Every structure is written in structure tokens, then in C-alpha cells.
Amino acid sequence: MTSDYDRFVFVALPGRSEYVVAGRFRMSGDPPMGEFIYGHSYLSRADAVELDPVHLTLSGRVRKGRVDGLFGAIRDAMASSWGRLVEGRQDGTEYLVRSTTDYGGALAFARGLEAPAPKRRYNAVGDLVRIKAALDAAAPPDQRDAPLWETLPQGRRPVEASAPRVIVEDDRTLWIAKFPQDGMTWNQTRVRHATLQLARNCGLDVVPSRIEIVRGEDVLLVRRYDRAWVGDGYACSRLISGFTLLGTGDTPTAEHDWSYLTLADQVRRASSHPREDLRELFGRLCFNAAISYLTDDPRHPIMVAKGTGWRLAPASSPAPTPLAEGKRGDFTMICGPAGRSPNRENILAGAGRFLLDRAAAEAILDRISGIVQSSWYDAMRSSGVSVNDCDLVGRSIGR
């Protein structure tokens, strides 16, 4: 077929930093439709691993794209809104041309069969001062002549996101530095850091985080769990988002497919330890309800494969949603048979989808709710959240 986009897809195998060719992705037509096929040589490898445990299992047949002609695992490996702003492009498929090994997960792309080189050099934590200065000095997007990454120190690009973020290295560990956004209701950096600590106190699996003060502003650092130092570089872990697992996208018409219950069904299919991961996922649902994290959606990474098997990825983004005094809100995702309302009965009514009986589900919900209600204020204050901001956070959590 005539192909508008024709790229070889590479993957870093478990425990390795180098990339090998896994298959070929093509996209053509109007509307565009993508095709993917694993390479014969890749399928013959004893250490071959799938790119997606549900929709791209190892097989020699040609697969057709599902959402916007793309495959979820490929879409997950491309830059999102912040990365596109940084590179000054709008067409998502263009990121197959400029894909680097910086983005999340273990995939990379190239026009030819020469494997992309793993990234060896990263910004240090101390470079955040220079990066923040470049960001502060950059013109607004509509007044910018050049892609933002060209203005950053040594041309090092931020990782993809909806807000400024860069990867930094500290003692053979990679962190994502999340710069603050303007117009937030409270100090989001410190509230997010405190919320991660609170989730950890509830026994949930969350990423380590810390705060750095850069040019007088708080910057949140969260550890990358998809990279691990292996002596000659960073081994890459495969990632897929909730969108990929659900087989849906990020459009208003697709929102009816956004569901914790369906996500649980797919985690059960994909996970190498489904009961453990479903219990964890249900705990996160209960935690989100307890803190009023209403805006959780499937765009976040949901599963990670550090070896051959897939597991639920650590949580990295829970935070209370600002609410007016005395107001309540619904989840972005369906959380029970009655829809998106995060009330106790609705959440418990869907517990069976998480392989939990009523008694076990009640115990998890009550334990997490109790810890949140009794300790959220101390968690916030110990992370440097101001008294005034705690009063605002209390409208979401302390209700």
C-alpha cells in the first residue's frame, strides 16, 4: 500500500538499555488508518516481548489501528500536549519522525533499521535553575518563532506532559521534575507531594517524590519507575496507559468508555498477578474518593512491564480536586453500577469486578477513608502546605 507514514518500531528488551527492531508501523488513507506487524526475526527471538498485552500480543498477522488509526502502545510513546508545544508541531504522527528515547516506556521509532541510540546524558538536578530561567524567559506560545526546546540549555527537551516537565538525573536515578503552573487554587506542588505521602500511608503503591526549590519556586520531583540503571545505561520498562488498556481515546465521544470497572476487567486479563493488582486498583479508587480526586482519567500509565510480565504501575498523580464549600462532584470515570458518583454504595457495588467480596471491599474502603480523614491535615502541613491552603484542601478532603 502507499504509506504516508512508514516507521520501524523498536523496543528495549527487559533489563537492557539497547533497542532492537520489533516491527513496522504504517499509516495511510483518508481518514488515516494504521497497520502494525511484528517482524519475523523479532518473533523468532526467545526473548521477544509484546508491546501491548491485550491489543498487540505476539503474532505474525497484520493488526489494524483502533483509535484515530493509531495503536495505543504507539500513541503512548509519542509526545503529548506539552511535548508538542516544546517541539512546535501539531500533527501527532510527526512525532514518529522525531521520537527520542526520552519518552515514557520502552518504544522508539525510526525510518530505517538502525536502532535509535539510548540517551546517555541527562540534566542534573542543579540544571533546573538554568532550565527554569529559560522557561521564565520564553515568549508565550502564540508569540514564539522557534520551538521552545531550542531555547532550553543545550537543547535538551522536556519529557511529554501537559505542563513543563524535564527529566533530571541524580545518583544514577532519573526523576521527572514538574514545574509549577500559574493560576492554581493552592500550591499544587506541595499538595501533590503531600498526597503521595498520604497515599503511601494508606498502603498504596506510589512513586517516591521530593521537592526542590528552584528560583524561589517549588518544583516536584517524582522518580521514574520505567528506568533502572544497569551499569552501561538505563534499562527501559514497557508502559501502557489506561486509554490503551481500554482501547479508547481522549475525546468527548470516548468518555463514555472511561470506567474503573472496565479497567479492572482489562487488568485482570493483562496482569501477571491479577488479584494483587486488582486489590491495589480498588484501594486507589477508594483513596480517590476519600480525597475527591475527581479528575483521574485513563491517560496516565496504568501498567508497567519491567520483565516479561505486566503489573499495575505505581500511582504518580493523585491530588484533591478543588471544590466549593459544601459541594460534591462526580468522577471523570465510571466507578460503580450507578455511574460516576463516588459514594460508598456505588463503589462497593462494583467490588466484584475487582475480585473482592463485599466484606473485603468494605474493609479496604473503611481503612483508607479512616486514615485519610484522621491524617490528611498533618500530611499536608508536614509537607509545607500553608494553613490557608489546608483550609481550601479541607473542602475536598475534610468533609
Protein backbone atom coordinates (compact mmCIF):
# COMPACT_ATOMS: atom_id res chain seq x y z
CA MET A 1 0.00 0.00 0.00
CA THR A 2 1.03 3.64 -0.39
CA SER A 3 2.12 4.79 3.02
CA ASP A 4 2.03 8.35 4.31
CA TYR A 5 3.92 7.24 7.41
CA ASP A 6 6.18 4.22 7.48
CA ARG A 7 8.26 3.63 10.58
CA PHE A 8 10.12 0.76 12.16
CA VAL A 9 9.19 0.24 15.79
CA PHE A 10 11.95 -0.58 18.26
CA VAL A 11 11.72 -1.89 21.79
CA ALA A 12 14.21 -2.11 24.65
CA LEU A 13 14.01 -5.69 25.90
CA PRO A 14 13.67 -6.30 29.66
CA GLY A 15 16.79 -5.40 31.62
CA ARG A 16 18.53 -3.78 28.66
CA SER A 17 19.19 -0.24 27.53
CA GLU A 18 19.73 -1.01 23.82
CA TYR A 19 16.87 -1.17 21.32
CA VAL A 20 16.00 -3.91 18.84
CA VAL A 21 13.57 -3.70 15.94
CA ALA A 22 10.22 -5.25 16.85
CA GLY A 23 8.00 -4.47 13.88
CA ARG A 24 6.73 -1.96 11.39
CA PHE A 25 4.00 0.66 11.62
CA ARG A 26 2.37 2.21 8.57
CA MET A 27 -0.39 4.77 8.28
CA SER A 28 -2.18 5.92 5.14
CA GLY A 29 -5.56 6.87 3.75
CA ASP A 30 -8.18 9.48 4.49
CA PRO A 31 -9.21 9.12 7.22
CA PRO A 32 -5.84 7.64 8.16
CA MET A 33 -5.65 4.01 9.18
CA GLY A 34 -2.62 2.40 10.71
CA GLU A 35 -1.25 -1.11 10.36
CA PHE A 36 1.32 -2.87 12.51
CA ILE A 37 3.09 -6.18 12.09
CA TYR A 38 5.79 -7.79 14.20
CA GLY A 39 8.95 -8.70 12.29
CA HIS A 40 9.65 -12.37 11.59
CA SER A 41 13.13 -12.09 13.07
CA TYR A 42 11.71 -10.49 16.22
CA LEU A 43 9.07 -13.19 16.65
CA SER A 44 11.78 -15.84 16.35
CA ARG A 45 13.66 -14.41 19.32
CA ALA A 46 13.33 -16.36 22.55
CA ASP A 47 13.27 -13.08 24.48
CA ALA A 48 10.63 -11.31 22.37
CA VAL A 49 8.01 -9.45 24.39
CA GLU A 50 4.68 -7.94 23.36
CA LEU A 51 4.23 -4.17 23.09
CA ASP A 52 0.70 -4.34 24.50
CA PRO A 53 -0.56 -7.35 26.50
CA VAL A 54 -4.15 -7.01 25.22
CA HIS A 55 -4.21 -5.46 21.75
CA LEU A 56 -0.72 -6.26 20.37
CA THR A 57 0.06 -9.75 21.60
CA LEU A 58 2.85 -11.57 19.76
CA SER A 59 1.55 -12.73 16.38
CA GLY A 60 2.59 -12.68 12.74
CA ARG A 61 -0.67 -11.19 11.48
CA VAL A 62 -1.23 -7.59 10.42
CA ARG A 63 -3.09 -5.52 13.05
CA LYS A 64 -5.35 -2.58 12.27
CA GLY A 65 -5.24 0.63 14.31
CA ARG A 66 -8.05 1.18 16.78
CA VAL A 67 -8.24 4.85 17.80
CA ASP A 68 -7.59 7.58 15.19
CA GLY A 69 -5.89 4.91 13.12
CA LEU A 70 -3.20 4.50 15.77
CA PHE A 71 -2.33 1.78 18.23
CA GLY A 72 -2.49 2.66 21.89
CA ALA A 73 1.03 1.47 22.67
CA ILE A 74 2.41 3.59 19.83
CA ARG A 75 0.32 6.61 20.80
CA ASP A 76 1.57 6.27 24.39
CA ALA A 77 5.16 6.55 23.14
CA MET A 78 4.56 9.87 21.39
CA ALA A 79 4.71 13.35 22.87
CA SER A 80 1.51 14.76 24.33
CA SER A 81 0.42 18.38 24.59
CA TRP A 82 3.43 19.83 26.42
CA GLY A 83 5.90 17.90 24.28
CA ARG A 84 4.15 19.12 21.14
CA LEU A 85 4.36 22.70 22.32
CA VAL A 86 8.05 22.20 23.04
CA GLU A 87 8.73 20.87 19.55
CA GLY A 88 6.46 23.36 17.83
CA ARG A 89 4.38 20.76 15.96
CA GLN A 90 0.72 19.82 15.97
CA ASP A 91 0.36 16.61 13.95
CA GLY A 92 0.73 13.66 16.31
CA THR A 93 2.15 11.32 13.69
CA GLU A 94 5.07 13.69 13.16
CA TYR A 95 6.40 12.52 16.50
CA LEU A 96 7.23 9.17 14.95
CA VAL A 97 9.82 11.06 12.92
CA ARG A 98 11.37 12.88 15.86
CA SER A 99 10.77 10.25 18.53
CA THR A 100 13.55 10.01 21.08
CA THR A 101 14.24 7.50 23.82
CA ASP A 102 13.32 10.14 26.42
CA TYR A 103 9.60 9.50 26.40
CA GLY A 104 7.95 7.06 28.78
CA GLY A 105 8.12 3.34 28.18
CA ALA A 106 10.43 1.25 26.03
CA LEU A 107 9.48 2.09 22.43
CA ALA A 108 11.28 4.17 19.83
CA PHE A 109 10.82 4.74 16.10
CA ALA A 110 12.99 5.24 13.02
CA ARG A 111 12.66 5.35 9.24
CA GLY A 112 15.35 2.71 8.82
CA LEU A 113 16.57 -0.40 10.59
CA GLU A 114 19.32 1.34 12.54
CA ALA A 115 18.28 1.28 16.17
CA PRO A 116 17.98 4.63 17.97
CA ALA A 117 20.78 5.23 20.43
CA PRO A 118 19.78 5.15 24.10
CA LYS A 119 20.11 8.50 25.79
CA ARG A 120 23.27 8.65 27.90
CA ARG A 121 23.33 12.25 29.05
CA TYR A 122 20.73 13.92 31.24
CA ASN A 123 20.25 17.18 33.02
CA ALA A 124 21.37 17.16 36.64
CA VAL A 125 19.17 18.47 39.44
CA GLY A 126 21.42 21.54 39.53
CA ASP A 127 20.49 22.31 35.91
CA LEU A 128 16.91 23.05 36.97
CA VAL A 129 17.91 26.64 37.73
CA ARG A 130 19.03 27.25 34.14
CA ILE A 131 16.04 25.40 32.71
CA LYS A 132 13.60 27.37 34.85
CA ALA A 133 15.27 30.61 33.74
CA ALA A 134 14.80 29.59 30.10
CA LEU A 135 11.16 28.74 30.70
CA ASP A 136 10.57 32.03 32.51
CA ALA A 137 12.17 33.97 29.66
CA ALA A 138 10.35 32.15 26.84
CA ALA A 139 7.72 34.07 24.93
CA PRO A 140 4.07 32.95 25.11
CA PRO A 141 3.24 30.15 22.62
CA ASP A 142 1.42 32.48 20.20
CA GLN A 143 4.43 34.82 20.07
CA ARG A 144 7.11 32.18 19.73
CA ASP A 145 9.05 31.88 16.47
CA ALA A 146 11.02 28.77 17.36
CA PRO A 147 10.15 25.54 19.17
CA LEU A 148 10.64 26.00 22.90
CA TRP A 149 13.19 23.20 23.18
CA GLU A 150 15.62 25.26 21.08
CA THR A 151 15.70 27.87 23.87
CA LEU A 152 16.48 25.37 26.62
CA PRO A 153 20.01 24.69 27.88
CA GLN A 154 21.95 22.56 25.37
CA GLY A 155 18.71 21.84 23.51
CA ARG A 156 17.61 19.20 26.00
CA ARG A 157 13.93 18.58 25.59
CA PRO A 158 11.39 18.22 28.38
CA VAL A 159 9.53 14.97 28.74
CA GLU A 160 5.99 14.99 27.32
CA ALA A 161 3.21 16.34 29.51
CA SER A 162 0.51 18.99 29.68
CA ALA A 163 2.75 21.29 31.76
CA PRO A 164 6.52 21.96 31.81
CA ARG A 165 8.48 18.91 32.92
CA VAL A 166 12.03 17.73 32.37
CA ILE A 167 13.99 14.61 33.20
CA VAL A 168 16.86 15.03 35.65
CA GLU A 169 19.43 12.56 36.92
CA ASP A 170 20.58 12.20 40.50
CA ASP A 171 22.85 9.38 41.69
CA ARG A 172 22.01 7.02 38.78
CA THR A 173 18.30 7.61 39.27
CA LEU A 174 16.02 9.51 36.90
CA TRP A 175 13.36 11.89 38.12
CA ILE A 176 10.67 13.89 36.35
CA ALA A 177 10.79 17.49 37.51
CA LYS A 178 7.33 19.08 37.34
CA PHE A 179 7.37 22.85 37.24
CA PRO A 180 4.51 24.79 38.84
CA GLN A 181 1.66 26.16 36.75
CA ASP A 182 0.11 29.58 37.09
CA GLY A 183 -3.45 30.03 38.27
CA MET A 184 -3.63 27.09 40.68
CA THR A 185 -6.08 27.24 43.59
CA TRP A 186 -3.33 26.22 46.01
CA ASN A 187 0.36 25.30 46.00
CA GLN A 188 -0.17 22.27 43.79
CA THR A 189 3.44 21.14 44.09
CA ARG A 190 3.31 20.72 47.86
CA VAL A 191 -0.26 19.40 47.86
CA ARG A 192 0.68 16.71 45.32
CA HIS A 193 3.76 15.75 47.31
CA ALA A 194 1.71 15.52 50.50
CA THR A 195 -0.99 13.50 48.74
CA LEU A 196 1.58 10.95 47.58
CA GLN A 197 2.79 10.60 51.17
CA LEU A 198 -0.80 10.22 52.35
CA ALA A 199 -1.44 7.50 49.76
CA ARG A 200 1.69 5.69 50.89
CA ASN A 201 0.44 5.87 54.48
CA CYS A 202 -2.71 4.14 53.25
CA GLY A 203 -0.58 1.24 52.00
CA LEU A 204 -0.84 2.13 48.31
CA ASP A 205 1.95 1.74 45.77
CA VAL A 206 3.04 5.26 44.79
CA VAL A 207 6.18 6.75 43.28
CA PRO A 208 8.79 8.36 45.55
CA SER A 209 8.70 12.15 45.39
CA ARG A 210 10.57 15.14 46.75
CA ILE A 211 10.52 18.93 46.42
CA GLU A 212 13.31 21.16 45.11
CA ILE A 213 13.16 24.95 45.41
CA VAL A 214 14.23 26.46 42.08
CA ARG A 215 14.45 30.22 41.57
CA GLY A 216 12.19 30.70 44.57
CA GLU A 217 9.50 28.27 43.37
CA ASP A 218 8.63 24.73 44.41
CA VAL A 219 9.34 22.02 41.83
CA LEU A 220 8.04 18.48 42.37
CA LEU A 221 10.35 15.60 41.51
CA VAL A 222 8.84 12.14 41.05
CA ARG A 223 11.04 9.14 40.42
CA ARG A 224 10.78 7.43 37.05
CA TYR A 225 9.80 3.82 37.60
CA ASP A 226 10.28 2.88 33.93
CA ARG A 227 14.06 3.37 34.04
CA ALA A 228 16.67 1.50 36.10
CA TRP A 229 20.44 1.82 35.94
CA VAL A 230 22.09 -1.38 34.68
CA GLY A 231 25.76 -0.40 34.56
CA ASP A 232 26.01 0.82 30.96
CA GLY A 233 22.81 2.82 30.78
CA TYR A 234 19.18 2.78 31.84
CA ALA A 235 17.07 -0.30 31.23
CA CYS A 236 13.62 0.64 29.96
CA SER A 237 10.31 -0.82 31.12
CA ARG A 238 7.32 -1.02 28.81
CA LEU A 239 4.32 1.11 29.72
CA ILE A 240 0.74 1.36 28.55
CA SER A 241 -1.85 3.95 29.51
CA GLY A 242 -5.39 3.40 30.65
CA PHE A 243 -6.50 4.55 27.20
CA THR A 244 -4.52 1.74 25.61
CA LEU A 245 -5.79 -0.87 28.03
CA LEU A 246 -9.40 0.25 27.48
CA GLY A 247 -8.95 0.57 23.71
CA THR A 248 -10.33 4.10 23.74
CA GLY A 249 -9.13 7.66 23.29
CA ASP A 250 -9.17 11.18 24.66
CA THR A 251 -12.24 12.69 23.00
CA PRO A 252 -15.66 13.76 24.33
CA THR A 253 -17.33 10.91 22.46
CA ALA A 254 -14.94 8.38 24.02
CA GLU A 255 -15.61 9.46 27.60
CA HIS A 256 -18.50 7.01 27.96
CA ASP A 257 -15.85 4.23 27.80
CA TRP A 258 -13.85 5.63 30.72
CA SER A 259 -14.54 3.22 33.55
CA TYR A 260 -12.68 1.86 36.58
CA LEU A 261 -14.80 -1.27 36.24
CA THR A 262 -13.76 -1.95 32.65
CA LEU A 263 -10.20 -1.07 33.60
CA ALA A 264 -10.40 -3.75 36.29
CA ASP A 265 -11.59 -6.28 33.70
CA GLN A 266 -8.59 -5.49 31.49
CA VAL A 267 -6.10 -5.53 34.37
CA ARG A 268 -7.39 -9.00 35.22
CA ARG A 269 -6.60 -10.08 31.63
CA ALA A 270 -3.19 -8.44 31.40
CA SER A 271 -1.64 -8.69 34.86
CA SER A 272 0.72 -11.47 35.88
CA HIS A 273 -0.66 -11.06 39.45
CA PRO A 274 -4.29 -10.07 38.88
CA ARG A 275 -5.63 -10.45 42.43
CA GLU A 276 -2.89 -8.30 43.93
CA ASP A 277 -3.20 -5.65 41.24
CA LEU A 278 -7.00 -5.52 41.40
CA ARG A 279 -6.88 -5.10 45.17
CA GLU A 280 -4.43 -2.24 44.69
CA LEU A 281 -6.61 -0.68 41.97
CA PHE A 282 -9.67 -0.85 44.21
CA GLY A 283 -7.67 0.76 47.02
CA ARG A 284 -6.75 3.62 44.70
CA LEU A 285 -10.39 4.06 43.76
CA CYS A 286 -11.27 4.33 47.45
CA PHE A 287 -8.41 6.77 48.02
CA ASN A 288 -9.51 8.93 45.08
CA ALA A 289 -13.00 9.08 46.57
CA ALA A 290 -11.64 9.96 50.02
CA ILE A 291 -9.58 12.90 48.74
CA SER A 292 -12.02 13.95 45.97
CA TYR A 293 -9.53 13.23 43.18
CA LEU A 294 -12.31 13.56 40.63
CA THR A 295 -10.22 14.24 37.53
CA ASP A 296 -8.38 10.91 37.38
CA ASP A 297 -8.63 9.63 33.81
CA PRO A 298 -7.16 6.87 31.61
CA ARG A 299 -4.37 8.97 30.11
CA HIS A 300 -1.98 8.05 32.92
CA PRO A 301 0.26 4.96 32.65
CA ILE A 302 -1.69 2.09 34.18
CA MET A 303 0.56 -0.95 33.61
CA VAL A 304 4.30 -1.49 33.51
CA ALA A 305 6.41 -4.45 32.41
CA LYS A 306 9.88 -4.45 33.95
CA GLY A 307 10.36 -8.08 32.96
CA THR A 308 8.18 -10.32 30.83
CA GLY A 309 5.03 -9.89 32.93
CA TRP A 310 2.82 -6.83 33.32
CA ARG A 311 1.87 -5.26 36.66
CA LEU A 312 -0.15 -2.27 37.79
CA ALA A 313 2.10 0.79 37.59
CA PRO A 314 2.71 2.86 40.73
CA ALA A 315 0.38 5.81 41.17
CA SER A 316 2.05 9.13 40.45
CA SER A 317 -0.60 11.82 40.15
CA PRO A 318 -3.36 11.72 42.81
CA ALA A 319 -4.37 15.13 44.13
CA PRO A 320 -7.57 16.64 45.53
CA THR A 321 -9.82 18.43 43.06
CA PRO A 322 -10.67 21.96 44.24
CA LEU A 323 -14.32 22.12 45.35
CA ALA A 324 -16.51 24.97 46.53
CA GLU A 325 -17.61 24.91 50.16
CA GLY A 326 -20.24 22.21 50.70
CA LYS A 327 -20.10 20.97 47.09
CA ARG A 328 -19.54 17.44 45.86
CA GLY A 329 -18.58 16.21 42.43
CA ASP A 330 -18.55 13.13 40.25
CA PHE A 331 -15.58 11.18 38.95
CA THR A 332 -14.44 11.55 35.35
CA MET A 333 -14.60 7.74 35.19
CA ILE A 334 -17.42 5.33 35.98
CA CYS A 335 -16.77 3.90 39.44
CA GLY A 336 -19.78 1.63 40.03
CA PRO A 337 -23.05 0.30 38.58
CA ALA A 338 -24.73 3.66 39.28
CA GLY A 339 -22.22 5.61 37.23
CA ARG A 340 -19.65 8.22 38.23
CA SER A 341 -20.85 9.19 41.69
CA PRO A 342 -18.07 8.33 44.20
CA ASN A 343 -20.43 7.44 47.02
CA ARG A 344 -19.90 4.47 49.30
CA GLU A 345 -22.68 2.25 47.98
CA ASN A 346 -21.81 2.76 44.33
CA ILE A 347 -18.14 1.92 44.90
CA LEU A 348 -18.92 -1.16 46.98
CA ALA A 349 -21.49 -2.38 44.45
CA GLY A 350 -18.74 -2.74 41.85
CA ALA A 351 -16.30 -4.60 44.09
CA GLY A 352 -16.88 -7.92 42.36
CA ARG A 353 -15.17 -6.60 39.23
CA PHE A 354 -12.04 -6.27 41.38
CA LEU A 355 -12.37 -9.90 42.58
CA LEU A 356 -13.40 -8.70 46.05
CA ASP A 357 -16.38 -9.76 48.11
CA ARG A 358 -18.46 -7.19 49.97
CA ALA A 359 -16.74 -7.68 53.33
CA ALA A 360 -13.23 -7.34 51.90
CA ALA A 361 -14.22 -4.26 49.90
CA GLU A 362 -15.79 -2.61 52.95
CA ALA A 363 -12.65 -3.26 54.98
CA ILE A 364 -10.45 -1.60 52.34
CA LEU A 365 -12.77 1.37 51.92
CA ASP A 366 -13.18 1.95 55.66
CA ARG A 367 -9.46 1.60 56.38
CA ILE A 368 -8.40 4.06 53.67
CA SER A 369 -11.17 6.55 54.44
CA GLY A 370 -10.25 6.44 58.12
CA ILE A 371 -6.55 7.07 57.50
CA VAL A 372 -7.31 9.95 55.13
CA GLN A 373 -9.74 11.65 57.48
CA SER A 374 -7.51 11.29 60.53
CA SER A 375 -4.16 12.26 58.99
CA TRP A 376 -4.61 14.38 55.86
CA TYR A 377 -4.05 17.68 57.67
CA ASP A 378 -0.83 16.54 59.32
CA ALA A 379 0.40 15.13 55.99
CA MET A 380 -0.23 18.46 54.29
CA ARG A 381 1.37 20.57 56.99
CA SER A 382 4.44 18.32 57.26
CA SER A 383 4.95 18.76 53.50
CA GLY A 384 4.89 22.53 53.83
CA VAL A 385 1.32 23.23 52.73
CA SER A 386 0.22 26.53 54.26
CA VAL A 387 -2.65 26.84 56.73
CA ASN A 388 -4.65 28.85 54.18
CA ASP A 389 -4.13 26.18 51.51
CA CYS A 390 -5.09 23.48 54.01
CA ASP A 391 -8.38 25.30 54.56
CA LEU A 392 -9.02 25.08 50.81
CA VAL A 393 -7.89 21.45 50.60
CA GLY A 394 -10.19 20.67 53.51
CA ARG A 395 -13.21 21.48 51.33
CA SER A 396 -12.27 18.45 49.23
CA ILE A 397 -10.84 16.07 51.83
CA GLY A 398 -12.14 17.13 55.22
CA ARG A 399 -15.84 16.72 54.50
